[in-house]
Amino acid sequence: MNVKIEYPQPHIAVVRPKGRIDAATSAKFRDTLRRLPSQGVEHVIIDLRDVSFMDSSGLSALVAGLKLIRRKGGALVLVGPQPPVRMALQLTMLDRVFRIYNSLRDAVAAVNSRPY
């Protein structure tokens, strides 16, 4: 798994993982999310369009990131999960916990609006 981070606005990070997020890669993903608040990031958008698979350790990393960002008063949202990832989110009912958007544009607009 590779992870790229973009900053469309100073307080927003778009995290773009690519590949599989599983037991072998989830620690790197979790650490990436954990570092963002110390860099001045308030809101995180995770673009899942290039993630082909996510197991429970990946889902756990998402939840940990969500808790961290919410404690700091921000929002963490998801964009474009592929069918296998969307199914994992649905089976665990995390699709009810995370706000999921079809486009990056919609996600950026959502985190810029209040309330989260």
C-alpha atoms as a PDB file:
ATOM      1  CA  MET A   1       0.000   0.000   0.000  1.00  0.00           C
ATOM      2  CA  ASN A   2       1.178   3.476  -0.907  1.00  0.00           C
ATOM      3  CA  VAL A   3      -0.268   6.635   0.631  1.00  0.00           C
ATOM      4  CA  LYS A   4      -0.235  10.118  -0.854  1.00  0.00           C
ATOM      5  CA  ILE A   5      -1.464  13.204   0.963  1.00  0.00           C
ATOM      6  CA  GLU A   6      -2.694  16.386  -0.681  1.00  0.00           C
ATOM      7  CA  TYR A   7      -3.792  19.627   0.946  1.00  0.00           C
ATOM      8  CA  PRO A   8      -6.532  21.322  -1.118  1.00  0.00           C
ATOM      9  CA  GLN A   9      -6.895  23.848   1.710  1.00  0.00           C
ATOM     10  CA  PRO A  10      -4.545  24.471   4.646  1.00  0.00           C
ATOM     11  CA  HIS A  11      -6.828  22.766   7.179  1.00  0.00           C
ATOM     12  CA  ILE A  12      -7.913  19.835   4.962  1.00  0.00           C
ATOM     13  CA  ALA A  13      -5.874  16.746   4.087  1.00  0.00           C
ATOM     14  CA  VAL A  14      -6.880  14.333   1.350  1.00  0.00           C
ATOM     15  CA  VAL A  15      -5.354  10.947   2.108  1.00  0.00           C
ATOM     16  CA  ARG A  16      -5.081   8.698  -0.955  1.00  0.00           C
ATOM     17  CA  PRO A  17      -4.126   5.127  -0.094  1.00  0.00           C
ATOM     18  CA  LYS A  18      -3.569   2.751  -2.997  1.00  0.00           C
ATOM     19  CA  GLY A  19      -3.736  -1.030  -2.941  1.00  0.00           C
ATOM     20  CA  ARG A  20      -4.721  -3.218  -0.007  1.00  0.00           C
ATOM     21  CA  ILE A  21      -5.181  -2.057   3.568  1.00  0.00           C
ATOM     22  CA  ASP A  22      -4.779  -5.200   5.626  1.00  0.00           C
ATOM     23  CA  ALA A  23      -2.831  -6.572   8.585  1.00  0.00           C
ATOM     24  CA  ALA A  24       0.449  -6.055   6.718  1.00  0.00           C
ATOM     25  CA  THR A  25      -0.197  -2.400   5.840  1.00  0.00           C
ATOM     26  CA  SER A  26      -2.698  -1.010   8.339  1.00  0.00           C
ATOM     27  CA  ALA A  27      -0.047   0.196  10.831  1.00  0.00           C
ATOM     28  CA  LYS A  28       1.430   2.518   8.186  1.00  0.00           C
ATOM     29  CA  PHE A  29      -2.052   3.779   7.325  1.00  0.00           C
ATOM     30  CA  ARG A  30      -2.924   4.319  11.009  1.00  0.00           C
ATOM     31  CA  ASP A  31       0.340   6.223  11.600  1.00  0.00           C
ATOM     32  CA  THR A  32      -0.346   8.443   8.599  1.00  0.00           C
ATOM     33  CA  LEU A  33      -3.728   9.408  10.037  1.00  0.00           C
ATOM     34  CA  ARG A  34      -2.313   9.875  13.542  1.00  0.00           C
ATOM     35  CA  ARG A  35       0.266  12.463  12.384  1.00  0.00           C
ATOM     36  CA  LEU A  36      -2.160  14.771  10.563  1.00  0.00           C
ATOM     37  CA  PRO A  37      -3.525  16.816  13.517  1.00  0.00           C
ATOM     38  CA  SER A  38       0.004  17.775  14.584  1.00  0.00           C
ATOM     39  CA  GLN A  39       0.483  19.210  11.078  1.00  0.00           C
ATOM     40  CA  GLY A  40      -2.428  21.622  11.536  1.00  0.00           C
ATOM     41  CA  VAL A  41      -4.980  19.478   9.728  1.00  0.00           C
ATOM     42  CA  GLU A  42      -8.521  19.859  11.039  1.00  0.00           C
ATOM     43  CA  HIS A  43     -10.438  17.742   8.517  1.00  0.00           C
ATOM     44  CA  VAL A  44      -9.442  14.522   6.757  1.00  0.00           C
ATOM     45  CA  ILE A  45     -10.882  13.145   3.541  1.00  0.00           C
ATOM     46  CA  ILE A  46      -9.877   9.583   2.788  1.00  0.00           C
ATOM     47  CA  ASP A  47     -10.110   8.851  -0.926  1.00  0.00           C
ATOM     48  CA  LEU A  48     -10.698   5.101  -1.175  1.00  0.00           C
ATOM     49  CA  ARG A  49     -11.099   4.906  -4.954  1.00  0.00           C
ATOM     50  CA  ASP A  50      -7.753   3.117  -5.366  1.00  0.00           C
ATOM     51  CA  VAL A  51      -8.152   0.739  -2.407  1.00  0.00           C
ATOM     52  CA  SER A  52      -8.934  -2.749  -3.696  1.00  0.00           C
ATOM     53  CA  PHE A  53      -9.362  -4.481  -0.319  1.00  0.00           C
ATOM     54  CA  MET A  54      -9.679  -3.612   3.356  1.00  0.00           C
ATOM     55  CA  ASP A  55      -9.786  -6.083   6.231  1.00  0.00           C
ATOM     56  CA  SER A  56     -10.716  -5.545   9.876  1.00  0.00           C
ATOM     57  CA  SER A  57      -7.337  -4.011  10.703  1.00  0.00           C
ATOM     58  CA  GLY A  58      -7.906  -1.405   7.995  1.00  0.00           C
ATOM     59  CA  LEU A  59     -11.400  -0.716   9.294  1.00  0.00           C
ATOM     60  CA  SER A  60      -9.933  -0.362  12.788  1.00  0.00           C
ATOM     61  CA  ALA A  61      -7.433   2.209  11.490  1.00  0.00           C
ATOM     62  CA  LEU A  62     -10.313   4.191   9.963  1.00  0.00           C
ATOM     63  CA  VAL A  63     -12.210   4.172  13.264  1.00  0.00           C
ATOM     64  CA  ALA A  64      -9.094   5.212  15.212  1.00  0.00           C
ATOM     65  CA  GLY A  65      -8.555   8.082  12.781  1.00  0.00           C
ATOM     66  CA  LEU A  66     -12.181   9.151  13.076  1.00  0.00           C
ATOM     67  CA  LYS A  67     -12.001   9.217  16.878  1.00  0.00           C
ATOM     68  CA  LEU A  68      -8.780  11.240  16.832  1.00  0.00           C
ATOM     69  CA  ILE A  69     -10.052  13.829  14.360  1.00  0.00           C
ATOM     70  CA  ARG A  70     -13.400  14.179  16.149  1.00  0.00           C
ATOM     71  CA  ARG A  71     -11.638  14.743  19.498  1.00  0.00           C
ATOM     72  CA  LYS A  72      -9.833  17.639  17.826  1.00  0.00           C
ATOM     73  CA  GLY A  73     -13.172  19.061  16.609  1.00  0.00           C
ATOM     74  CA  GLY A  74     -12.795  18.046  12.978  1.00  0.00           C
ATOM     75  CA  ALA A  75     -14.402  15.690  10.506  1.00  0.00           C
ATOM     76  CA  LEU A  76     -13.121  12.560   8.778  1.00  0.00           C
ATOM     77  CA  VAL A  77     -15.075  11.471   5.714  1.00  0.00           C
ATOM     78  CA  LEU A  78     -14.664   8.851   3.006  1.00  0.00           C
ATOM     79  CA  VAL A  79     -14.804   9.127  -0.778  1.00  0.00           C
ATOM     80  CA  GLY A  80     -15.549   6.475  -3.378  1.00  0.00           C
ATOM     81  CA  PRO A  81     -15.037   3.116  -1.695  1.00  0.00           C
ATOM     82  CA  GLN A  82     -14.849   0.304  -4.245  1.00  0.00           C
ATOM     83  CA  PRO A  83     -17.415  -2.535  -3.951  1.00  0.00           C
ATOM     84  CA  PRO A  84     -15.281  -4.830  -1.733  1.00  0.00           C
ATOM     85  CA  VAL A  85     -14.477  -1.975   0.653  1.00  0.00           C
ATOM     86  CA  ARG A  86     -18.047  -0.668   0.601  1.00  0.00           C
ATOM     87  CA  MET A  87     -19.268  -4.175   1.444  1.00  0.00           C
ATOM     88  CA  ALA A  88     -16.888  -4.361   4.428  1.00  0.00           C
ATOM     89  CA  LEU A  89     -18.193  -0.997   5.634  1.00  0.00           C
ATOM     90  CA  GLN A  90     -21.797  -2.167   5.231  1.00  0.00           C
ATOM     91  CA  LEU A  91     -21.304  -5.553   6.907  1.00  0.00           C
ATOM     92  CA  THR A  92     -19.767  -3.866   9.945  1.00  0.00           C
ATOM     93  CA  MET A  93     -22.343  -1.045   9.830  1.00  0.00           C
ATOM     94  CA  LEU A  94     -19.532   1.472   9.595  1.00  0.00           C
ATOM     95  CA  ASP A  95     -21.327   2.978   6.616  1.00  0.00           C
ATOM     96  CA  ARG A  96     -23.641   4.435   9.284  1.00  0.00           C
ATOM     97  CA  VAL A  97     -20.709   5.875  11.229  1.00  0.00           C
ATOM     98  CA  PHE A  98     -18.754   7.466   8.371  1.00  0.00           C
ATOM     99  CA  ARG A  99     -20.077  10.018   5.937  1.00  0.00           C
ATOM    100  CA  ILE A 100     -19.362   8.621   2.479  1.00  0.00           C
ATOM    101  CA  TYR A 101     -19.282  10.759  -0.664  1.00  0.00           C
ATOM    102  CA  ASN A 102     -19.073   9.871  -4.342  1.00  0.00           C
ATOM    103  CA  SER A 103     -16.787  12.748  -5.274  1.00  0.00           C
ATOM    104  CA  LEU A 104     -13.900  14.618  -3.731  1.00  0.00           C
ATOM    105  CA  ARG A 105     -15.630  17.884  -4.551  1.00  0.00           C
ATOM    106  CA  ASP A 106     -18.677  16.896  -2.481  1.00  0.00           C
ATOM    107  CA  ALA A 107     -16.472  15.780   0.408  1.00  0.00           C
ATOM    108  CA  VAL A 108     -14.520  19.059   0.476  1.00  0.00           C
ATOM    109  CA  ALA A 109     -17.775  21.036   0.427  1.00  0.00           C
ATOM    110  CA  ALA A 110     -19.152  18.901   3.267  1.00  0.00           C
ATOM    111  CA  VAL A 111     -16.183  19.351   5.602  1.00  0.00           C
ATOM    112  CA  ASN A 112     -16.226  23.088   4.954  1.00  0.00           C
ATOM    113  CA  SER A 113     -19.846  23.288   6.091  1.00  0.00           C
ATOM    114  CA  ARG A 114     -21.016  23.028   9.682  1.00  0.00           C
ATOM    115  CA  PRO A 115     -22.201  21.054  11.543  1.00  0.00           C
ATOM    116  CA  TYR A 116     -20.228  17.944  10.692  1.00  0.00           C
END
